[in-house]
């Protein structure tokens, strides 16, 4: 469990550093960049919510199957 947590923390840190670096090197204006960033954030949030809902339904089905 500790190794998994360390890996996830490293992956998240790397993604964050990569995103900041990419945003600083981007050849777009500030306003265009903000619009793109907001759009990407909303898309990522929507995909995460869909994945969460699918996993919840899957776990509920497994739970019902185990109860029977």
Protein backbone atom coordinates (compact mmCIF):
# COMPACT_ATOMS: atom_id res chain seq x y z
CA UNK A 1 0.00 0.00 0.00
CA UNK A 2 2.84 2.37 0.86
CA UNK A 3 4.51 1.78 -2.53
CA UNK A 4 1.24 2.46 -4.33
CA UNK A 5 0.73 5.70 -2.42
CA UNK A 6 4.30 6.79 -3.18
CA UNK A 7 3.84 6.01 -6.87
CA UNK A 8 0.55 7.93 -7.06
CA UNK A 9 2.04 10.91 -5.22
CA UNK A 10 4.99 10.95 -7.64
CA UNK A 11 2.74 10.64 -10.68
CA UNK A 12 0.50 13.46 -9.45
CA UNK A 13 3.50 15.67 -8.71
CA UNK A 14 4.96 14.99 -12.15
CA UNK A 15 1.67 15.76 -13.84
CA UNK A 16 1.39 19.03 -11.93
CA UNK A 17 4.94 20.11 -12.81
CA UNK A 18 4.34 19.15 -16.45
CA UNK A 19 1.09 21.12 -16.59
CA UNK A 20 2.69 24.23 -15.10
CA UNK A 21 5.67 23.98 -17.46
CA UNK A 22 3.41 23.51 -20.48
CA UNK A 23 1.27 26.47 -19.48
CA UNK A 24 4.30 28.74 -19.12
CA UNK A 25 5.70 27.66 -22.50
CA UNK A 26 2.37 27.86 -24.34
CA UNK A 27 2.37 30.23 -27.33
CA UNK A 28 -1.16 31.53 -26.64
CA UNK A 29 -2.43 34.75 -25.12
CA UNK A 30 -3.52 34.87 -21.51
CA UNK A 31 -7.22 35.06 -22.29
CA UNK A 32 -7.12 32.20 -24.80
CA UNK A 33 -5.09 30.11 -22.37
CA UNK A 34 -7.57 30.71 -19.54
CA UNK A 35 -10.46 29.66 -21.78
CA UNK A 36 -8.63 26.49 -22.87
CA UNK A 37 -7.64 25.66 -19.29
CA UNK A 38 -11.20 26.13 -18.05
CA UNK A 39 -12.55 23.99 -20.87
CA UNK A 40 -10.06 21.21 -20.13
CA UNK A 41 -10.81 21.40 -16.41
CA UNK A 42 -14.56 21.11 -17.00
CA UNK A 43 -14.01 18.17 -19.37
CA UNK A 44 -11.76 16.38 -16.86
CA UNK A 45 -14.27 17.00 -14.08
CA UNK A 46 -17.12 15.65 -16.22
CA UNK A 47 -15.12 12.52 -17.13
CA UNK A 48 -14.22 11.95 -13.47
CA UNK A 49 -17.86 12.20 -12.45
CA UNK A 50 -18.85 9.70 -15.16
CA UNK A 51 -16.13 7.28 -14.05
CA UNK A 52 -17.21 7.66 -10.43
CA UNK A 53 -20.84 6.94 -11.31
CA UNK A 54 -19.90 3.87 -13.38
CA UNK A 55 -17.73 2.51 -10.56
CA UNK A 56 -20.49 3.14 -8.02
CA UNK A 57 -23.01 1.22 -10.14
CA UNK A 58 -20.51 -1.62 -10.61
CA UNK A 59 -19.84 -1.85 -6.87
CA UNK A 60 -23.55 -1.73 -6.04
CA UNK A 61 -24.16 -4.60 -8.45
CA UNK A 62 -21.35 -6.61 -6.88
CA UNK A 63 -22.75 -5.89 -3.42
CA UNK A 64 -26.23 -7.03 -4.41
CA UNK A 65 -24.78 -10.18 -5.95
CA UNK A 66 -22.85 -10.94 -2.75
CA UNK A 67 -25.98 -10.41 -0.62
CA UNK A 68 -27.86 -13.06 -2.60
